[in-house]
Amino acid sequence: MNQTRQILFDEPGPRARRRIRIATVMGAVALAGAVVAAVHQFASHGELAAERWQPFTTWPIWRYLLTGLWATVRAAAATAVLSAVLGLLLALGRLSARRPLRWAAGAYVEIFRTVPALLLIYVTLFALPQYGLNFPLFWKLVVPLVVSNSAAFAEIFRAGILALDRGQTEAGLAVGLRRGQVMALVVLPQALVQLAPSLVSQLVGLLKDTSLGFVVSYTELLYSGQVLASYTHLLIQTFLVVALIYLVVNASLSKFARVLQARNGRFGGRRGRRTVDLPPPLTEGSTIR
């Protein structure tokens, strides 16, 4: 992982590091100032009054929001599994020796990487029912998200496979394995281990994409927040709580990705330091055993 970072990016020098530290401090100060200004505005308009936050200390409100969160998790999980499977097939198609398959997979990836997921949801919602494809509410959200995210997963898988040393494939072929067996038994297991942090990071964006469920009236977390705000007339409080829930969930996934990255880095370092005991040099009269 560290070697890949050194290849893709030059290590910053002392002056660049000093600029980075200054920019980081300035950004933190600006962010703190924005938060203080926002809190001041909320306080001046009475939005921080205890009675406006009291409903969020009751279980029925939280049960309703957690039900929306569970709907978000279900949609994200279904999208993640289907997108990963389709993305892996697309990545293998782009690496195929058959030109038509390679072109078809490449065209799919290039097209749906650039088409917004919201546009795909509108196509699923308004265009496809005219041709007899009227999905249930859950799949009206999941299907377009799978189409969009599978292209991103395909590029992640393809990059991971290409990043492996070509000697892995050549070694597998040398012991008599077919190319399909080499890919399944040698290449993919190693690539998936290295790609785990990137895949988890992709899940963060995928989870946020489920907020587009309000378009199809799927009761995910954001749509549940909209309904709750219209019922309680606590717009700011409701969406701050919803934002906090998204922050906790996405921060947990991001932390998990960093843990995986650090773990892979440690294991990679240990593999890199592994030594091989060589046989003693042959001397006159000695034999090879």
Protein backbone atom coordinates (compact mmCIF):
# COMPACT_ATOMS: atom_id res chain seq x y z
CA MET A 1 0.00 0.00 0.00
CA ASN A 2 2.80 2.40 0.86
CA GLN A 3 4.63 1.48 -2.33
CA THR A 4 1.50 2.21 -4.38
CA ARG A 5 1.13 5.59 -2.68
CA GLN A 6 4.76 6.44 -3.47
CA ILE A 7 4.27 5.55 -7.12
CA LEU A 8 1.07 7.57 -7.53
CA PHE A 9 2.10 10.59 -5.47
CA ASP A 10 5.43 12.29 -4.81
CA GLU A 11 6.36 12.51 -1.15
CA PRO A 12 5.89 16.16 -0.07
CA GLY A 13 9.01 18.04 0.90
CA PRO A 14 9.48 20.27 3.98
CA ARG A 15 7.99 23.34 2.28
CA ALA A 16 4.99 21.41 0.97
CA ARG A 17 4.40 19.85 4.40
CA ARG A 18 4.52 23.29 5.98
CA ARG A 19 1.93 24.55 3.47
CA ILE A 20 -0.26 21.54 4.19
CA ARG A 21 -0.12 22.22 7.93
CA ILE A 22 -0.97 25.90 7.42
CA ALA A 23 -3.88 25.03 5.11
CA THR A 24 -5.13 22.45 7.62
CA VAL A 25 -5.06 24.95 10.48
CA MET A 26 -6.79 27.63 8.36
CA GLY A 27 -9.45 25.15 7.28
CA ALA A 28 -10.05 24.06 10.88
CA VAL A 29 -10.36 27.69 12.02
CA ALA A 30 -12.78 28.48 9.18
CA LEU A 31 -14.88 25.41 9.99
CA ALA A 32 -14.95 26.29 13.70
CA GLY A 33 -15.99 29.84 12.83
CA ALA A 34 -18.82 28.56 10.63
CA VAL A 35 -20.04 26.25 13.41
CA VAL A 36 -19.95 29.07 15.98
CA ALA A 37 -21.86 31.38 13.61
CA ALA A 38 -24.47 28.68 12.93
CA VAL A 39 -24.93 27.98 16.65
CA HIS A 40 -25.31 31.72 17.30
CA GLN A 41 -27.98 32.02 14.61
CA PHE A 42 -29.86 29.02 15.96
CA ALA A 43 -29.73 30.40 19.49
CA SER A 44 -30.89 33.87 18.43
CA HIS A 45 -33.96 32.36 16.72
CA GLY A 46 -34.82 30.07 19.64
CA GLU A 47 -33.92 26.85 17.81
CA LEU A 48 -31.77 25.66 20.73
CA ALA A 49 -34.56 25.95 23.27
CA ALA A 50 -35.00 22.79 25.34
CA GLU A 51 -38.68 22.36 24.44
CA ARG A 52 -37.81 22.14 20.73
CA TRP A 53 -35.45 19.25 21.41
CA GLN A 54 -37.60 17.46 23.98
CA PRO A 55 -39.41 15.24 21.39
CA PHE A 56 -36.07 13.68 20.47
CA THR A 57 -35.69 12.33 24.00
CA THR A 58 -38.73 10.05 23.53
CA TRP A 59 -38.61 6.49 22.25
CA PRO A 60 -41.40 6.72 19.60
CA ILE A 61 -39.44 9.40 17.69
CA TRP A 62 -36.26 7.37 17.79
CA ARG A 63 -38.08 4.18 16.88
CA TYR A 64 -39.43 5.90 13.77
CA LEU A 65 -35.97 7.20 12.79
CA LEU A 66 -34.31 3.85 13.50
CA THR A 67 -36.94 2.16 11.31
CA GLY A 68 -35.88 4.52 8.52
CA LEU A 69 -32.23 3.73 9.24
CA TRP A 70 -32.97 -0.01 8.99
CA ALA A 71 -34.64 0.59 5.60
CA THR A 72 -31.51 2.50 4.53
CA VAL A 73 -29.25 -0.34 5.67
CA ARG A 74 -31.36 -2.94 3.82
CA ALA A 75 -31.27 -0.96 0.60
CA ALA A 76 -27.54 -0.31 0.96
CA ALA A 77 -26.79 -3.97 1.72
CA ALA A 78 -28.76 -5.24 -1.28
CA THR A 79 -27.13 -2.64 -3.52
CA ALA A 80 -23.65 -3.46 -2.21
CA VAL A 81 -23.96 -7.22 -2.76
CA LEU A 82 -25.46 -6.96 -6.25
CA SER A 83 -23.10 -4.15 -7.29
CA ALA A 84 -20.05 -6.09 -6.09
CA VAL A 85 -21.05 -9.25 -7.97
CA LEU A 86 -21.90 -7.37 -11.17
CA GLY A 87 -18.82 -5.17 -10.80
CA LEU A 88 -16.55 -8.21 -10.48
CA LEU A 89 -18.06 -9.74 -13.64
CA LEU A 90 -17.58 -6.44 -15.48
CA ALA A 91 -13.97 -6.20 -14.31
CA LEU A 92 -13.27 -9.72 -15.55
CA GLY A 93 -14.99 -8.81 -18.81
CA ARG A 94 -12.76 -5.77 -19.25
CA LEU A 95 -9.71 -7.98 -18.69
CA SER A 96 -10.95 -10.73 -21.01
CA ALA A 97 -8.95 -11.72 -24.06
CA ARG A 98 -12.17 -11.75 -26.12
CA ARG A 99 -12.51 -8.38 -27.76
CA PRO A 100 -16.35 -8.19 -27.99
CA LEU A 101 -16.70 -9.02 -24.30
CA ARG A 102 -14.00 -6.51 -23.40
CA TRP A 103 -15.66 -3.77 -25.47
CA ALA A 104 -19.15 -4.47 -24.08
CA ALA A 105 -17.94 -4.39 -20.47
CA GLY A 106 -15.89 -1.26 -21.14
CA ALA A 107 -18.85 0.52 -22.74
CA TYR A 108 -21.09 -0.32 -19.79
CA VAL A 109 -18.56 0.98 -17.28
CA GLU A 110 -17.76 4.18 -19.16
CA ILE A 111 -21.45 5.01 -19.73
CA PHE A 112 -22.83 4.35 -16.27
CA ARG A 113 -19.87 5.92 -14.47
CA THR A 114 -20.90 9.25 -16.01
CA VAL A 115 -24.71 9.00 -15.77
CA PRO A 116 -26.04 10.41 -12.46
CA ALA A 117 -27.80 7.91 -10.22
CA LEU A 118 -30.74 10.31 -9.90
CA LEU A 119 -31.32 10.18 -13.65
CA LEU A 120 -31.32 6.36 -13.53
CA ILE A 121 -33.90 6.49 -10.74
CA TYR A 122 -36.12 8.73 -12.89
CA VAL A 123 -35.77 6.25 -15.77
CA THR A 124 -36.79 3.39 -13.47
CA LEU A 125 -39.65 5.41 -12.03
CA PHE A 126 -41.17 6.94 -15.19
CA ALA A 127 -39.77 5.31 -18.34
CA LEU A 128 -39.58 1.60 -17.60
CA PRO A 129 -43.23 1.22 -16.43
CA GLN A 130 -44.31 2.30 -19.92
CA TYR A 131 -42.61 -0.85 -21.23
CA GLY A 132 -44.10 -3.16 -18.60
CA LEU A 133 -41.17 -3.02 -16.15
CA ASN A 134 -42.78 -1.72 -12.97
CA PHE A 135 -40.58 -2.77 -10.06
CA PRO A 136 -41.68 -2.85 -6.42
CA LEU A 137 -40.83 0.24 -4.40
CA PHE A 138 -37.70 -1.27 -2.86
CA TRP A 139 -36.26 -2.25 -6.24
CA LYS A 140 -37.09 1.10 -7.82
CA LEU A 141 -34.32 2.44 -5.60
CA VAL A 142 -31.97 -0.56 -5.58
CA VAL A 143 -31.90 -1.35 -9.32
CA PRO A 144 -30.68 2.07 -10.51
CA LEU A 145 -28.18 2.24 -7.65
CA VAL A 146 -26.83 -1.19 -8.66
CA VAL A 147 -26.48 -0.06 -12.28
CA SER A 148 -24.57 3.04 -11.18
CA ASN A 149 -22.41 1.56 -8.42
CA SER A 150 -21.49 -1.62 -10.30
CA ALA A 151 -19.47 0.51 -12.72
CA ALA A 152 -17.52 1.99 -9.81
CA PHE A 153 -16.97 -1.46 -8.27
CA ALA A 154 -15.77 -2.75 -11.64
CA GLU A 155 -13.03 -0.14 -11.80
CA ILE A 156 -11.98 -0.88 -8.23
CA PHE A 157 -11.72 -4.61 -8.94
CA ARG A 158 -9.92 -4.06 -12.25
CA ALA A 159 -7.38 -1.72 -10.64
CA GLY A 160 -6.75 -4.22 -7.84
CA ILE A 161 -6.21 -7.10 -10.25
CA LEU A 162 -3.87 -5.08 -12.46
CA ALA A 163 -1.90 -3.91 -9.41
CA LEU A 164 -0.83 -7.46 -8.55
CA ASP A 165 2.53 -8.64 -9.73
CA ARG A 166 2.27 -10.41 -13.07
CA GLY A 167 4.49 -13.12 -11.65
CA GLN A 168 1.53 -14.40 -9.63
CA THR A 169 -0.32 -15.28 -12.82
CA GLU A 170 2.76 -16.69 -14.50
CA ALA A 171 3.50 -18.87 -11.47
CA GLY A 172 -0.02 -20.27 -11.52
CA LEU A 173 0.19 -21.03 -15.22
CA ALA A 174 3.59 -22.62 -14.72
CA VAL A 175 2.21 -25.23 -12.31
CA GLY A 176 -0.49 -26.23 -14.80
CA LEU A 177 -3.50 -24.16 -13.75
CA ARG A 178 -5.82 -22.77 -16.39
CA ARG A 179 -6.30 -18.98 -16.60
CA GLY A 180 -9.72 -19.19 -14.97
CA GLN A 181 -8.29 -21.22 -12.09
CA VAL A 182 -5.40 -18.79 -11.68
CA MET A 183 -7.83 -15.89 -11.49
CA ALA A 184 -10.13 -17.64 -8.99
CA LEU A 185 -7.50 -19.30 -6.80
CA VAL A 186 -4.48 -17.01 -6.99
CA VAL A 187 -5.27 -13.51 -8.23
CA LEU A 188 -8.71 -12.68 -6.79
CA PRO A 189 -8.03 -13.73 -3.18
CA GLN A 190 -4.96 -11.49 -3.02
CA ALA A 191 -6.66 -8.61 -4.84
CA LEU A 192 -9.70 -8.68 -2.55
CA VAL A 193 -7.51 -8.48 0.55
CA GLN A 194 -5.71 -5.43 -0.83
CA LEU A 195 -8.96 -3.83 -2.03
CA ALA A 196 -10.89 -4.24 1.22
CA PRO A 197 -10.33 -0.61 2.37
CA SER A 198 -11.35 0.77 -1.03
CA LEU A 199 -14.47 -1.40 -1.10
CA VAL A 200 -15.52 -0.26 2.37
CA SER A 201 -14.94 3.36 1.33
CA GLN A 202 -17.19 2.79 -1.67
CA LEU A 203 -19.87 1.58 0.74
CA VAL A 204 -19.85 5.01 2.39
CA GLY A 205 -20.82 6.69 -0.88
CA LEU A 206 -23.31 3.94 -1.61
CA LEU A 207 -24.99 4.45 1.76
CA LYS A 208 -25.36 8.15 1.05
CA ASP A 209 -26.83 7.36 -2.38
CA THR A 210 -29.76 5.61 -0.68
CA SER A 211 -30.95 9.07 0.41
CA LEU A 212 -32.26 9.38 -3.16
CA GLY A 213 -35.02 7.05 -2.02
CA PHE A 214 -37.19 10.11 -1.32
CA VAL A 215 -37.70 10.35 -5.10
CA VAL A 216 -39.57 7.03 -5.15
CA SER A 217 -41.12 7.59 -1.67
CA TYR A 218 -39.06 4.77 -0.18
CA THR A 219 -39.08 5.29 3.59
CA GLU A 220 -35.33 5.38 4.15
CA LEU A 221 -33.74 7.60 6.80
CA LEU A 222 -33.87 10.93 4.96
CA TYR A 223 -37.45 10.42 3.77
CA SER A 224 -38.43 9.44 7.32
CA GLY A 225 -36.85 12.67 8.51
CA GLN A 226 -38.88 14.67 6.00
CA VAL A 227 -42.11 13.04 7.16
CA LEU A 228 -41.19 13.56 10.81
CA ALA A 229 -40.32 17.23 10.24
CA SER A 230 -43.65 17.88 8.53
CA TYR A 231 -45.45 16.22 11.45
CA THR A 232 -43.58 17.90 14.33
CA HIS A 233 -42.78 21.21 12.55
CA LEU A 234 -39.23 20.86 13.89
CA LEU A 235 -37.37 21.11 10.60
CA ILE A 236 -33.92 22.13 11.81
CA GLN A 237 -33.88 19.81 14.82
CA THR A 238 -35.04 16.81 12.79
CA PHE A 239 -32.50 17.20 10.02
CA LEU A 240 -29.68 17.85 12.47
CA VAL A 241 -30.52 14.56 14.19
CA VAL A 242 -30.72 12.78 10.82
CA ALA A 243 -27.37 14.29 9.82
CA LEU A 244 -25.89 13.09 13.11
CA ILE A 245 -27.11 9.53 12.42
CA TYR A 246 -25.56 9.60 8.93
CA LEU A 247 -22.35 10.98 10.44
CA VAL A 248 -22.10 8.19 13.01
CA VAL A 249 -22.79 5.42 10.48
CA ASN A 250 -20.45 6.77 7.78
CA ALA A 251 -17.73 7.60 10.30
CA SER A 252 -17.91 4.02 11.57
CA LEU A 253 -17.51 2.68 8.04
CA SER A 254 -14.62 5.08 7.38
CA LYS A 255 -12.93 3.99 10.61
CA PHE A 256 -13.38 0.36 9.57
CA ALA A 257 -11.73 1.15 6.21
CA ARG A 258 -8.75 2.79 7.97
CA VAL A 259 -8.38 -0.21 10.27
CA LEU A 260 -8.36 -2.56 7.27
CA GLN A 261 -5.83 -0.35 5.49
CA ALA A 262 -3.54 -0.30 8.52
CA ARG A 263 -3.92 -4.05 8.95
CA ASN A 264 -3.08 -4.70 5.29
CA GLY A 265 -0.10 -2.37 5.61
CA ARG A 266 1.25 -4.30 8.60
CA PHE A 267 0.73 -7.66 6.92
CA GLY A 268 2.24 -6.35 3.71
CA GLY A 269 5.27 -5.10 5.62
CA ARG A 270 5.72 -8.47 7.27
CA ARG A 271 5.46 -10.21 3.91
CA GLY A 272 7.96 -7.78 2.49
CA ARG A 273 10.46 -8.52 5.29
CA ARG A 274 10.11 -12.27 4.94
CA THR A 275 13.42 -13.97 4.12
CA VAL A 276 14.06 -17.24 2.38
CA ASP A 277 16.71 -19.67 3.65
CA LEU A 278 19.00 -20.50 0.74
CA PRO A 279 20.77 -23.85 0.54
CA PRO A 280 24.49 -23.82 1.35
CA PRO A 281 26.79 -23.43 -1.63
CA LEU A 282 27.97 -26.57 -3.28
CA THR A 283 31.52 -27.61 -2.54
CA GLU A 284 33.64 -30.12 -4.27
CA GLY A 285 32.38 -33.61 -3.65
CA SER A 286 28.97 -32.49 -2.30
CA THR A 287 25.69 -33.62 -3.83
CA ILE A 288 22.30 -32.05 -4.19
CA ARG A 289 19.66 -33.60 -1.94
